[in-house]
PDB file of N, CA and C in Angstrom:
ATOM      1  N   MET A   1     141.600 154.747  24.398  1.00  0.00           N
ATOM      2  CA  MET A   1     142.905 155.068  24.917  1.00  0.00           C
ATOM      3  C   MET A   1     142.855 155.036  26.442  1.00  0.00           C
ATOM      4  N   ASP A   2     143.846 154.425  27.032  1.00  0.00           N
ATOM      5  CA  ASP A   2     143.894 154.299  28.487  1.00  0.00           C
ATOM      6  C   ASP A   2     144.488 155.520  29.163  1.00  0.00           C
ATOM      7  N   LYS A   3     145.333 156.226  28.450  1.00  0.00           N
ATOM      8  CA  LYS A   3     146.040 157.348  29.049  1.00  0.00           C
ATOM      9  C   LYS A   3     145.156 158.599  29.040  1.00  0.00           C
ATOM     10  N   GLU A   4     145.039 159.231  30.191  1.00  0.00           N
ATOM     11  CA  GLU A   4     144.274 160.476  30.289  1.00  0.00           C
ATOM     12  C   GLU A   4     145.233 161.643  30.100  1.00  0.00           C
ATOM     13  N   ILE A   5     144.868 162.536  29.191  1.00  0.00           N
ATOM     14  CA  ILE A   5     145.710 163.671  28.857  1.00  0.00           C
ATOM     15  C   ILE A   5     145.198 164.900  29.594  1.00  0.00           C
ATOM     16  N   ASN A   6     146.108 165.602  30.276  1.00  0.00           N
ATOM     17  CA  ASN A   6     145.765 166.854  30.925  1.00  0.00           C
ATOM     18  C   ASN A   6     146.957 167.799  30.778  1.00  0.00           C
ATOM     19  N   LEU A   7     146.888 168.651  29.782  1.00  0.00           N
ATOM     20  CA  LEU A   7     147.993 169.552  29.489  1.00  0.00           C
ATOM     21  C   LEU A   7     148.204 170.618  30.566  1.00  0.00           C
ATOM     22  N   ILE A   8     147.174 170.895  31.329  1.00  0.00           N
ATOM     23  CA  ILE A   8     147.281 171.913  32.385  1.00  0.00           C
ATOM     24  C   ILE A   8     148.348 171.516  33.405  1.00  0.00           C
ATOM     25  N   ASP A   9     148.535 170.225  33.598  1.00  0.00           N
ATOM     26  CA  ASP A   9     149.545 169.756  34.551  1.00  0.00           C
ATOM     27  C   ASP A   9     150.957 170.152  34.140  1.00  0.00           C
ATOM     28  N   TYR A  10     151.146 170.485  32.878  1.00  0.00           N
ATOM     29  CA  TYR A  10     152.476 170.868  32.398  1.00  0.00           C
ATOM     30  C   TYR A  10     152.767 172.363  32.586  1.00  0.00           C
ATOM     31  N   LEU A  11     151.758 173.110  32.955  1.00  0.00           N
ATOM     32  CA  LEU A  11     151.949 174.537  33.225  1.00  0.00           C
ATOM     33  C   LEU A  11     152.570 174.747  34.602  1.00  0.00           C
ATOM     34  N   PRO A  12     153.226 175.865  34.790  1.00  0.00           N
ATOM     35  CA  PRO A  12     153.689 176.205  36.142  1.00  0.00           C
ATOM     36  C   PRO A  12     152.485 176.360  37.082  1.00  0.00           C
ATOM     37  N   GLN A  13     152.673 176.066  38.323  1.00  0.00           N
ATOM     38  CA  GLN A  13     151.591 176.076  39.314  1.00  0.00           C
ATOM     39  C   GLN A  13     150.851 177.414  39.338  1.00  0.00           C
ATOM     40  N   ILE A  14     151.530 178.489  39.146  1.00  0.00           N
ATOM     41  CA  ILE A  14     150.915 179.816  39.229  1.00  0.00           C
ATOM     42  C   ILE A  14     149.925 180.061  38.084  1.00  0.00           C
ATOM     43  N   LEU A  15     150.091 179.366  36.960  1.00  0.00           N
ATOM     44  CA  LEU A  15     149.211 179.559  35.804  1.00  0.00           C
ATOM     45  C   LEU A  15     148.084 178.534  35.724  1.00  0.00           C
ATOM     46  N   GLN A  16     148.131 177.492  36.521  1.00  0.00           N
ATOM     47  CA  GLN A  16     147.157 176.406  36.403  1.00  0.00           C
ATOM     48  C   GLN A  16     145.741 176.798  36.792  1.00  0.00           C
ATOM     49  N   ASP A  17     145.550 177.866  37.554  1.00  0.00           N
ATOM     50  CA  ASP A  17     144.202 178.252  37.959  1.00  0.00           C
ATOM     51  C   ASP A  17     143.648 179.413  37.127  1.00  0.00           C
ATOM     52  N   LYS A  18     144.334 179.826  36.094  1.00  0.00           N
ATOM     53  CA  LYS A  18     143.869 180.915  35.233  1.00  0.00           C
ATOM     54  C   LYS A  18     142.826 180.390  34.250  1.00  0.00           C
ATOM     55  N   GLU A  19     141.703 181.089  34.198  1.00  0.00           N
ATOM     56  CA  GLU A  19     140.566 180.645  33.392  1.00  0.00           C
ATOM     57  C   GLU A  19     140.906 180.516  31.909  1.00  0.00           C
ATOM     58  N   GLU A  20     141.682 181.443  31.378  1.00  0.00           N
ATOM     59  CA  GLU A  20     142.029 181.405  29.959  1.00  0.00           C
ATOM     60  C   GLU A  20     142.808 180.134  29.611  1.00  0.00           C
ATOM     61  N   TYR A  21     143.780 179.817  30.435  1.00  0.00           N
ATOM     62  CA  TYR A  21     144.590 178.630  30.198  1.00  0.00           C
ATOM     63  C   TYR A  21     143.753 177.357  30.332  1.00  0.00           C
ATOM     64  N   ILE A  22     142.878 177.351  31.308  1.00  0.00           N
ATOM     65  CA  ILE A  22     142.032 176.171  31.527  1.00  0.00           C
ATOM     66  C   ILE A  22     141.162 175.912  30.298  1.00  0.00           C
ATOM     67  N   LYS A  23     140.548 176.944  29.749  1.00  0.00           N
ATOM     68  CA  LYS A  23     139.681 176.764  28.582  1.00  0.00           C
ATOM     69  C   LYS A  23     140.474 176.315  27.355  1.00  0.00           C
ATOM     70  N   VAL A  24     141.596 176.964  27.112  1.00  0.00           N
ATOM     71  CA  VAL A  24     142.418 176.620  25.955  1.00  0.00           C
ATOM     72  C   VAL A  24     142.951 175.196  26.070  1.00  0.00           C
ATOM     73  N   PHE A  25     143.467 174.864  27.239  1.00  0.00           N
ATOM     74  CA  PHE A  25     144.080 173.552  27.400  1.00  0.00           C
ATOM     75  C   PHE A  25     143.043 172.431  27.424  1.00  0.00           C
ATOM     76  N   ASN A  26     141.832 172.700  27.909  1.00  0.00           N
ATOM     77  CA  ASN A  26     140.778 171.686  27.851  1.00  0.00           C
ATOM     78  C   ASN A  26     140.403 171.370  26.403  1.00  0.00           C
ATOM     79  N   ALA A  27     140.369 172.383  25.565  1.00  0.00           N
ATOM     80  CA  ALA A  27     140.102 172.158  24.143  1.00  0.00           C
ATOM     81  C   ALA A  27     141.250 171.368  23.508  1.00  0.00           C
ATOM     82  N   ASP A  28     142.466 171.728  23.877  1.00  0.00           N
ATOM     83  CA  ASP A  28     143.632 171.021  23.344  1.00  0.00           C
ATOM     84  C   ASP A  28     143.697 169.579  23.844  1.00  0.00           C
ATOM     85  N   ASN A  29     143.243 169.333  25.062  1.00  0.00           N
ATOM     86  CA  ASN A  29     143.235 167.969  25.596  1.00  0.00           C
ATOM     87  C   ASN A  29     142.442 167.031  24.699  1.00  0.00           C
ATOM     88  N   LYS A  30     141.300 167.507  24.204  1.00  0.00           N
ATOM     89  CA  LYS A  30     140.467 166.686  23.322  1.00  0.00           C
ATOM     90  C   LYS A  30     141.201 166.366  22.025  1.00  0.00           C
ATOM     91  N   GLU A  31     141.889 167.371  21.479  1.00  0.00           N
ATOM     92  CA  GLU A  31     142.636 167.167  20.236  1.00  0.00           C
ATOM     93  C   GLU A  31     143.803 166.198  20.442  1.00  0.00           C
ATOM     94  N   ILE A  32     144.481 166.319  21.539  1.00  0.00           N
ATOM     95  CA  ILE A  32     145.600 165.419  21.843  1.00  0.00           C
ATOM     96  C   ILE A  32     145.094 163.992  22.026  1.00  0.00           C
ATOM     97  N   LYS A  33     143.949 163.844  22.659  1.00  0.00           N
ATOM     98  CA  LYS A  33     143.367 162.513  22.846  1.00  0.00           C
ATOM     99  C   LYS A  33     143.037 161.888  21.495  1.00  0.00           C
ATOM    100  N   ILE A  34     142.451 162.663  20.588  1.00  0.00           N
ATOM    101  CA  ILE A  34     142.145 162.169  19.241  1.00  0.00           C
ATOM    102  C   ILE A  34     143.433 161.786  18.513  1.00  0.00           C
ATOM    103  N   LEU A  35     144.459 162.595  18.673  1.00  0.00           N
ATOM    104  CA  LEU A  35     145.749 162.304  18.050  1.00  0.00           C
ATOM    105  C   LEU A  35     146.322 160.983  18.548  1.00  0.00           C
ATOM    106  N   TYR A  36     146.283 160.745  19.856  1.00  0.00           N
ATOM    107  CA  TYR A  36     146.772 159.484  20.415  1.00  0.00           C
ATOM    108  C   TYR A  36     145.977 158.297  19.873  1.00  0.00           C
ATOM    109  N   GLU A  37     144.659 158.450  19.748  1.00  0.00           N
ATOM    110  CA  GLU A  37     143.830 157.371  19.215  1.00  0.00           C
ATOM    111  C   GLU A  37     144.189 157.073  17.757  1.00  0.00           C
ATOM    112  N   LYS A  38     144.415 158.124  16.967  1.00  0.00           N
ATOM    113  CA  LYS A  38     144.804 157.942  15.567  1.00  0.00           C
ATOM    114  C   LYS A  38     146.170 157.273  15.463  1.00  0.00           C
ATOM    115  N   LEU A  39     147.102 157.655  16.335  1.00  0.00           N
ATOM    116  CA  LEU A  39     148.415 157.016  16.337  1.00  0.00           C
ATOM    117  C   LEU A  39     148.321 155.545  16.724  1.00  0.00           C
ATOM    118  N   ASN A  40     147.434 155.237  17.651  1.00  0.00           N
ATOM    119  CA  ASN A  40     147.218 153.849  18.046  1.00  0.00           C
ATOM    120  C   ASN A  40     146.644 153.050  16.877  1.00  0.00           C
ATOM    121  N   ASP A  41     145.681 153.631  16.148  1.00  0.00           N
ATOM    122  CA  ASP A  41     145.109 152.977  14.971  1.00  0.00           C
ATOM    123  C   ASP A  41     146.174 152.764  13.902  1.00  0.00           C
ATOM    124  N   LEU A  42     147.007 153.762  13.706  1.00  0.00           N
ATOM    125  CA  LEU A  42     148.080 153.657  12.724  1.00  0.00           C
ATOM    126  C   LEU A  42     149.031 152.526  13.079  1.00  0.00           C
ATOM    127  N   SER A  43     149.338 152.406  14.341  1.00  0.00           N
ATOM    128  CA  SER A  43     150.194 151.311  14.799  1.00  0.00           C
ATOM    129  C   SER A  43     149.521 149.960  14.573  1.00  0.00           C
ATOM    130  N   SER A  44     148.234 149.866  14.848  1.00  0.00           N
ATOM    131  CA  SER A  44     147.499 148.614  14.649  1.00  0.00           C
ATOM    132  C   SER A  44     147.428 148.230  13.178  1.00  0.00           C
ATOM    133  N   ASP A  45     147.342 149.202  12.301  1.00  0.00           N
ATOM    134  CA  ASP A  45     147.216 148.932  10.867  1.00  0.00           C
ATOM    135  C   ASP A  45     148.507 148.419  10.236  1.00  0.00           C
ATOM    136  N   GLN A  46     149.576 148.352  11.007  1.00  0.00           N
ATOM    137  CA  GLN A  46     150.825 147.811  10.490  1.00  0.00           C
ATOM    138  C   GLN A  46     150.811 146.281  10.459  1.00  0.00           C
ATOM    139  N   PHE A  47     149.854 145.664  11.142  1.00  0.00           N
ATOM    140  CA  PHE A  47     149.782 144.210  11.254  1.00  0.00           C
ATOM    141  C   PHE A  47     148.419 143.730  10.777  1.00  0.00           C
ATOM    142  N   LEU A  48     148.417 142.703   9.932  1.00  0.00           N
ATOM    143  CA  LEU A  48     147.171 142.227   9.338  1.00  0.00           C
ATOM    144  C   LEU A  48     146.183 141.725  10.382  1.00  0.00           C
ATOM    145  N   GLU A  49     146.670 141.150  11.472  1.00  0.00           N
ATOM    146  CA  GLU A  49     145.758 140.624  12.495  1.00  0.00           C
ATOM    147  C   GLU A  49     145.061 141.719  13.289  1.00  0.00           C
ATOM    148  N   ASP A  50     145.640 142.926  13.316  1.00  0.00           N
ATOM    149  CA  ASP A  50     145.112 144.007  14.142  1.00  0.00           C
ATOM    150  C   ASP A  50     144.484 145.140  13.332  1.00  0.00           C
ATOM    151  N   LEU A  51     144.167 144.910  12.079  1.00  0.00           N
ATOM    152  CA  LEU A  51     143.666 145.980  11.216  1.00  0.00           C
ATOM    153  C   LEU A  51     142.404 146.629  11.773  1.00  0.00           C
ATOM    154  N   THR A  52     142.354 147.937  11.718  1.00  0.00           N
ATOM    155  CA  THR A  52     141.155 148.690  12.069  1.00  0.00           C
ATOM    156  C   THR A  52     140.270 148.762  10.822  1.00  0.00           C
ATOM    157  N   PRO A  53     139.028 149.219  10.945  1.00  0.00           N
ATOM    158  CA  PRO A  53     138.185 149.343   9.746  1.00  0.00           C
ATOM    159  C   PRO A  53     138.820 150.190   8.641  1.00  0.00           C
ATOM    160  N   ASN A  54     139.504 151.276   9.003  1.00  0.00           N
ATOM    161  CA  ASN A  54     140.176 152.082   7.982  1.00  0.00           C
ATOM    162  C   ASN A  54     141.330 151.315   7.346  1.00  0.00           C
ATOM    163  N   GLY A  55     142.059 150.550   8.140  1.00  0.00           N
ATOM    164  CA  GLY A  55     143.144 149.734   7.609  1.00  0.00           C
ATOM    165  C   GLY A  55     142.629 148.658   6.665  1.00  0.00           C
ATOM    166  N   ILE A  56     141.492 148.073   7.017  1.00  0.00           N
ATOM    167  CA  ILE A  56     140.878 147.055   6.148  1.00  0.00           C
ATOM    168  C   ILE A  56     140.492 147.680   4.814  1.00  0.00           C
ATOM    169  N   LYS A  57     139.883 148.858   4.846  1.00  0.00           N
ATOM    170  CA  LYS A  57     139.520 149.543   3.595  1.00  0.00           C
ATOM    171  C   LYS A  57     140.745 149.827   2.749  1.00  0.00           C
ATOM    172  N   ARG A  58     141.817 150.275   3.394  1.00  0.00           N
ATOM    173  CA  ARG A  58     143.049 150.590   2.667  1.00  0.00           C
ATOM    174  C   ARG A  58     143.634 149.349   1.996  1.00  0.00           C
ATOM    175  N   TRP A  59     143.709 148.221   2.732  1.00  0.00           N
ATOM    176  CA  TRP A  59     144.257 146.990   2.169  1.00  0.00           C
ATOM    177  C   TRP A  59     143.352 146.444   1.063  1.00  0.00           C
ATOM    178  N   GLU A  60     142.037 146.566   1.227  1.00  0.00           N
ATOM    179  CA  GLU A  60     141.127 146.119   0.160  1.00  0.00           C
ATOM    180  C   GLU A  60     141.349 146.927  -1.106  1.00  0.00           C
ATOM    181  N   LYS A  61     141.586 148.200  -0.965  1.00  0.00           N
ATOM    182  CA  LYS A  61     141.853 149.038  -2.131  1.00  0.00           C
ATOM    183  C   LYS A  61     143.173 148.637  -2.788  1.00  0.00           C
ATOM    184  N   ILE A  62     144.207 148.404  -1.986  1.00  0.00           N
ATOM    185  CA  ILE A  62     145.508 147.999  -2.517  1.00  0.00           C
ATOM    186  C   ILE A  62     145.396 146.682  -3.270  1.00  0.00           C
ATOM    187  N   MET A  63     144.621 145.741  -2.725  1.00  0.00           N
ATOM    188  CA  MET A  63     144.536 144.398  -3.310  1.00  0.00           C
ATOM    189  C   MET A  63     143.364 144.234  -4.280  1.00  0.00           C
ATOM    190  N   SER A  64     142.658 145.311  -4.557  1.00  0.00           N
ATOM    191  CA  SER A  64     141.501 145.296  -5.464  1.00  0.00           C
ATOM    192  C   SER A  64     140.456 144.273  -5.015  1.00  0.00           C
ATOM    193  N   ILE A  65     140.152 144.279  -3.740  1.00  0.00           N
ATOM    194  CA  ILE A  65     139.130 143.402  -3.169  1.00  0.00           C
ATOM    195  C   ILE A  65     137.875 144.229  -2.954  1.00  0.00           C
ATOM    196  N   THR A  66     136.753 143.736  -3.450  1.00  0.00           N
ATOM    197  CA  THR A  66     135.475 144.405  -3.230  1.00  0.00           C
ATOM    198  C   THR A  66     134.752 143.673  -2.102  1.00  0.00           C
ATOM    199  N   PRO A  67     134.525 144.332  -0.968  1.00  0.00           N
ATOM    200  CA  PRO A  67     133.857 143.644   0.142  1.00  0.00           C
ATOM    201  C   PRO A  67     132.387 143.402  -0.160  1.00  0.00           C
ATOM    202  N   LYS A  68     131.911 142.269   0.322  1.00  0.00           N
ATOM    203  CA  LYS A  68     130.485 141.951   0.183  1.00  0.00           C
ATOM    204  C   LYS A  68     129.714 142.633   1.303  1.00  0.00           C
ATOM    205  N   SER A  69     128.465 142.913   1.061  1.00  0.00           N
ATOM    206  CA  SER A  69     127.669 143.679   2.030  1.00  0.00           C
ATOM    207  C   SER A  69     127.422 142.910   3.327  1.00  0.00           C
ATOM    208  N   ASN A  70     127.441 141.575   3.274  1.00  0.00           N
ATOM    209  CA  ASN A  70     127.134 140.790   4.469  1.00  0.00           C
ATOM    210  C   ASN A  70     128.388 140.299   5.198  1.00  0.00           C
ATOM    211  N   GLU A  71     129.577 140.756   4.806  1.00  0.00           N
ATOM    212  CA  GLU A  71     130.814 140.321   5.443  1.00  0.00           C
ATOM    213  C   GLU A  71     131.084 141.108   6.718  1.00  0.00           C
ATOM    214  N   THR A  72     131.574 140.405   7.717  1.00  0.00           N
ATOM    215  CA  THR A  72     131.997 141.067   8.946  1.00  0.00           C
ATOM    216  C   THR A  72     133.431 141.563   8.771  1.00  0.00           C
ATOM    217  N   LEU A  73     133.897 142.347   9.725  1.00  0.00           N
ATOM    218  CA  LEU A  73     135.279 142.819   9.673  1.00  0.00           C
ATOM    219  C   LEU A  73     136.256 141.652   9.735  1.00  0.00           C
ATOM    220  N   GLU A  74     135.930 140.622  10.499  1.00  0.00           N
ATOM    221  CA  GLU A  74     136.805 139.445  10.585  1.00  0.00           C
ATOM    222  C   GLU A  74     136.877 138.721   9.248  1.00  0.00           C
ATOM    223  N   ASP A  75     135.747 138.615   8.544  1.00  0.00           N
ATOM    224  CA  ASP A  75     135.741 137.981   7.220  1.00  0.00           C
ATOM    225  C   ASP A  75     136.600 138.775   6.245  1.00  0.00           C
ATOM    226  N   ARG A  76     136.459 140.075   6.287  1.00  0.00           N
ATOM    227  CA  ARG A  76     137.242 140.929   5.387  1.00  0.00           C
ATOM    228  C   ARG A  76     138.728 140.839   5.713  1.00  0.00           C
ATOM    229  N   ARG A  77     139.050 140.829   7.008  1.00  0.00           N
ATOM    230  CA  ARG A  77     140.442 140.703   7.435  1.00  0.00           C
ATOM    231  C   ARG A  77     141.016 139.361   6.975  1.00  0.00           C
ATOM    232  N   PHE A  78     140.218 138.283   7.067  1.00  0.00           N
ATOM    233  CA  PHE A  78     140.651 136.960   6.632  1.00  0.00           C
ATOM    234  C   PHE A  78     140.911 136.930   5.123  1.00  0.00           C
ATOM    235  N   ARG A  79     140.069 137.572   4.334  1.00  0.00           N
ATOM    236  CA  ARG A  79     140.278 137.626   2.876  1.00  0.00           C
ATOM    237  C   ARG A  79     141.569 138.362   2.543  1.00  0.00           C
ATOM    238  N   ILE A  80     141.839 139.445   3.237  1.00  0.00           N
ATOM    239  CA  ILE A  80     143.083 140.189   3.006  1.00  0.00           C
ATOM    240  C   ILE A  80     144.281 139.312   3.361  1.00  0.00           C
ATOM    241  N   PHE A  81     144.217 138.655   4.511  1.00  0.00           N
ATOM    242  CA  PHE A  81     145.311 137.806   4.952  1.00  0.00           C
ATOM    243  C   PHE A  81     145.535 136.659   3.964  1.00  0.00           C
ATOM    244  N   SER A  82     144.458 136.027   3.514  1.00  0.00           N
ATOM    245  CA  SER A  82     144.568 134.924   2.569  1.00  0.00           C
ATOM    246  C   SER A  82     145.176 135.380   1.250  1.00  0.00           C
ATOM    247  N   ARG A  83     144.754 136.516   0.768  1.00  0.00           N
ATOM    248  CA  ARG A  83     145.301 137.037  -0.485  1.00  0.00           C
ATOM    249  C   ARG A  83     146.772 137.403  -0.316  1.00  0.00           C
ATOM    250  N   TYR A  84     147.114 137.933   0.849  1.00  0.00           N
ATOM    251  CA  TYR A  84     148.493 138.361   1.098  1.00  0.00           C
ATOM    252  C   TYR A  84     149.466 137.185   1.089  1.00  0.00           C
ATOM    253  N   ILE A  85     149.069 136.073   1.720  1.00  0.00           N
ATOM    254  CA  ILE A  85     149.997 134.949   1.820  1.00  0.00           C
ATOM    255  C   ILE A  85     149.839 133.949   0.680  1.00  0.00           C
ATOM    256  N   SER A  86     148.970 134.212  -0.266  1.00  0.00           N
ATOM    257  CA  SER A  86     148.744 133.254  -1.348  1.00  0.00           C
ATOM    258  C   SER A  86     149.759 133.382  -2.477  1.00  0.00           C
ATOM    259  N   LYS A  87     150.688 134.272  -2.341  1.00  0.00           N
ATOM    260  CA  LYS A  87     151.691 134.458  -3.390  1.00  0.00           C
ATOM    261  C   LYS A  87     152.661 133.281  -3.396  1.00  0.00           C
ATOM    262  N   LEU A  88     152.798 132.642  -4.548  1.00  0.00           N
ATOM    263  CA  LEU A  88     153.724 131.524  -4.707  1.00  0.00           C
ATOM    264  C   LEU A  88     155.110 132.053  -4.993  1.00  0.00           C
ATOM    265  N   PRO A  89     156.177 131.354  -4.828  1.00  0.00           N
ATOM    266  CA  PRO A  89     156.241 129.999  -4.267  1.00  0.00           C
ATOM    267  C   PRO A  89     156.388 130.026  -2.758  1.00  0.00           C
ATOM    268  N   TYR A  90     155.972 128.955  -2.145  1.00  0.00           N
ATOM    269  CA  TYR A  90     156.211 128.791  -0.721  1.00  0.00           C
ATOM    270  C   TYR A  90     156.536 127.332  -0.446  1.00  0.00           C
ATOM    271  N   SER A  91     157.144 127.073   0.677  1.00  0.00           N
ATOM    272  CA  SER A  91     157.618 125.731   1.000  1.00  0.00           C
ATOM    273  C   SER A  91     156.487 124.877   1.559  1.00  0.00           C
ATOM    274  N   GLU A  92     156.751 123.571   1.611  1.00  0.00           N
ATOM    275  CA  GLU A  92     155.775 122.641   2.179  1.00  0.00           C
ATOM    276  C   GLU A  92     155.532 122.949   3.657  1.00  0.00           C
ATOM    277  N   ARG A  93     156.607 123.282   4.366  1.00  0.00           N
ATOM    278  CA  ARG A  93     156.464 123.611   5.794  1.00  0.00           C
ATOM    279  C   ARG A  93     155.588 124.847   5.971  1.00  0.00           C
ATOM    280  N   PHE A  94     155.811 125.881   5.120  1.00  0.00           N
ATOM    281  CA  PHE A  94     154.977 127.075   5.197  1.00  0.00           C
ATOM    282  C   PHE A  94     153.530 126.728   4.901  1.00  0.00           C
ATOM    283  N   LEU A  95     153.293 125.886   3.875  1.00  0.00           N
ATOM    284  CA  LEU A  95     151.931 125.490   3.511  1.00  0.00           C
ATOM    285  C   LEU A  95     151.258 124.745   4.660  1.00  0.00           C
ATOM    286  N   ARG A  96     151.977 123.828   5.292  1.00  0.00           N
ATOM    287  CA  ARG A  96     151.395 123.091   6.428  1.00  0.00           C
ATOM    288  C   ARG A  96     151.064 124.032   7.595  1.00  0.00           C
ATOM    289  N   ASN A  97     151.961 124.940   7.910  1.00  0.00           N
ATOM    290  CA  ASN A  97     151.695 125.912   8.986  1.00  0.00           C
ATOM    291  C   ASN A  97     150.495 126.783   8.657  1.00  0.00           C
ATOM    292  N   TRP A  98     150.396 127.192   7.408  1.00  0.00           N
ATOM    293  CA  TRP A  98     149.277 128.029   6.982  1.00  0.00           C
ATOM    294  C   TRP A  98     147.959 127.269   7.093  1.00  0.00           C
ATOM    295  N   LEU A  99     147.945 126.009   6.611  1.00  0.00           N
ATOM    296  CA  LEU A  99     146.732 125.195   6.712  1.00  0.00           C
ATOM    297  C   LEU A  99     146.375 124.908   8.165  1.00  0.00           C
ATOM    298  N   ASP A 100     147.378 124.673   9.005  1.00  0.00           N
ATOM    299  CA  ASP A 100     147.113 124.456  10.432  1.00  0.00           C
ATOM    300  C   ASP A 100     146.441 125.664  11.057  1.00  0.00           C
ATOM    301  N   SER A 101     146.885 126.859  10.678  1.00  0.00           N
ATOM    302  CA  SER A 101     146.306 128.069  11.264  1.00  0.00           C
ATOM    303  C   SER A 101     144.914 128.357  10.737  1.00  0.00           C
ATOM    304  N   ILE A 102     144.629 127.917   9.513  1.00  0.00           N
ATOM    305  CA  ILE A 102     143.322 128.231   8.922  1.00  0.00           C
ATOM    306  C   ILE A 102     142.266 127.179   9.265  1.00  0.00           C
ATOM    307  N   VAL A 103     142.572 125.897   9.021  1.00  0.00           N
ATOM    308  CA  VAL A 103     141.558 124.857   9.228  1.00  0.00           C
ATOM    309  C   VAL A 103     141.790 124.022  10.470  1.00  0.00           C
ATOM    310  N   GLY A 104     142.941 124.194  11.100  1.00  0.00           N
ATOM    311  CA  GLY A 104     143.243 123.444  12.314  1.00  0.00           C
ATOM    312  C   GLY A 104     144.149 122.261  12.018  1.00  0.00           C
ATOM    313  N   GLU A 105     145.001 121.960  12.950  1.00  0.00           N
ATOM    314  CA  GLU A 105     145.972 120.887  12.763  1.00  0.00           C
ATOM    315  C   GLU A 105     145.270 119.535  12.679  1.00  0.00           C
ATOM    316  N   GLY A 106     145.578 118.789  11.622  1.00  0.00           N
ATOM    317  CA  GLY A 106     145.000 117.467  11.439  1.00  0.00           C
ATOM    318  C   GLY A 106     143.631 117.465  10.786  1.00  0.00           C
ATOM    319  N   ASN A 107     143.090 118.604  10.425  1.00  0.00           N
ATOM    320  CA  ASN A 107     141.765 118.675   9.804  1.00  0.00           C
ATOM    321  C   ASN A 107     141.820 118.728   8.296  1.00  0.00           C
ATOM    322  N   TYR A 108     142.930 118.308   7.722  1.00  0.00           N
ATOM    323  CA  TYR A 108     143.085 118.329   6.269  1.00  0.00           C
ATOM    324  C   TYR A 108     144.053 117.223   5.864  1.00  0.00           C
ATOM    325  N   GLU A 109     144.031 116.912   4.575  1.00  0.00           N
ATOM    326  CA  GLU A 109     144.987 115.955   4.032  1.00  0.00           C
ATOM    327  C   GLU A 109     145.740 116.645   2.913  1.00  0.00           C
ATOM    328  N   LEU A 110     147.053 116.678   3.020  1.00  0.00           N
ATOM    329  CA  LEU A 110     147.893 117.365   2.049  1.00  0.00           C
ATOM    330  C   LEU A 110     148.561 116.332   1.159  1.00  0.00           C
ATOM    331  N   THR A 111     148.301 116.411  -0.131  1.00  0.00           N
ATOM    332  CA  THR A 111     148.940 115.542  -1.114  1.00  0.00           C
ATOM    333  C   THR A 111     149.717 116.404  -2.063  1.00  0.00           C
ATOM    334  N   ILE A 112     151.006 116.121  -2.208  1.00  0.00           N
ATOM    335  CA  ILE A 112     151.859 116.921  -3.078  1.00  0.00           C
ATOM    336  C   ILE A 112     152.133 116.115  -4.341  1.00  0.00           C
ATOM    337  N   ASN A 113     151.810 116.716  -5.477  1.00  0.00           N
ATOM    338  CA  ASN A 113     152.018 116.078  -6.769  1.00  0.00           C
ATOM    339  C   ASN A 113     153.109 116.867  -7.482  1.00  0.00           C
ATOM    340  N   ASN A 114     154.314 116.337  -7.487  1.00  0.00           N
ATOM    341  CA  ASN A 114     155.435 117.047  -8.110  1.00  0.00           C
ATOM    342  C   ASN A 114     155.410 116.964  -9.623  1.00  0.00           C
ATOM    343  N   ALA A 115     154.610 116.106 -10.180  1.00  0.00           N
ATOM    344  CA  ALA A 115     154.543 116.003 -11.635  1.00  0.00           C
ATOM    345  C   ALA A 115     153.786 117.202 -12.161  1.00  0.00           C
TER     346      ALA A 115
END
């Protein structure tokens, strides 16, 4: 987290130098910092590209994916993303965009068999 939390600054000037307030608010500063970090993680977990390790575990549980022991977080995130967008039906344009993002534009040949 980039933001530094100091609750003592919110007290009136006359109370900012009192030892009791300093000790209490320093303890609270740590808790507020943890809260901000958790809120940031929660925000990141709303998007598949930004999943945190806890978000990855949650999505794997939802999708019944068992992670392999040698997979990195990026591999696990890719499996979740692939499973998420693999639901049919989708259009040819969507399929081409998806293949472009996964294997790169022009690195595949798409043949559509309507029969």
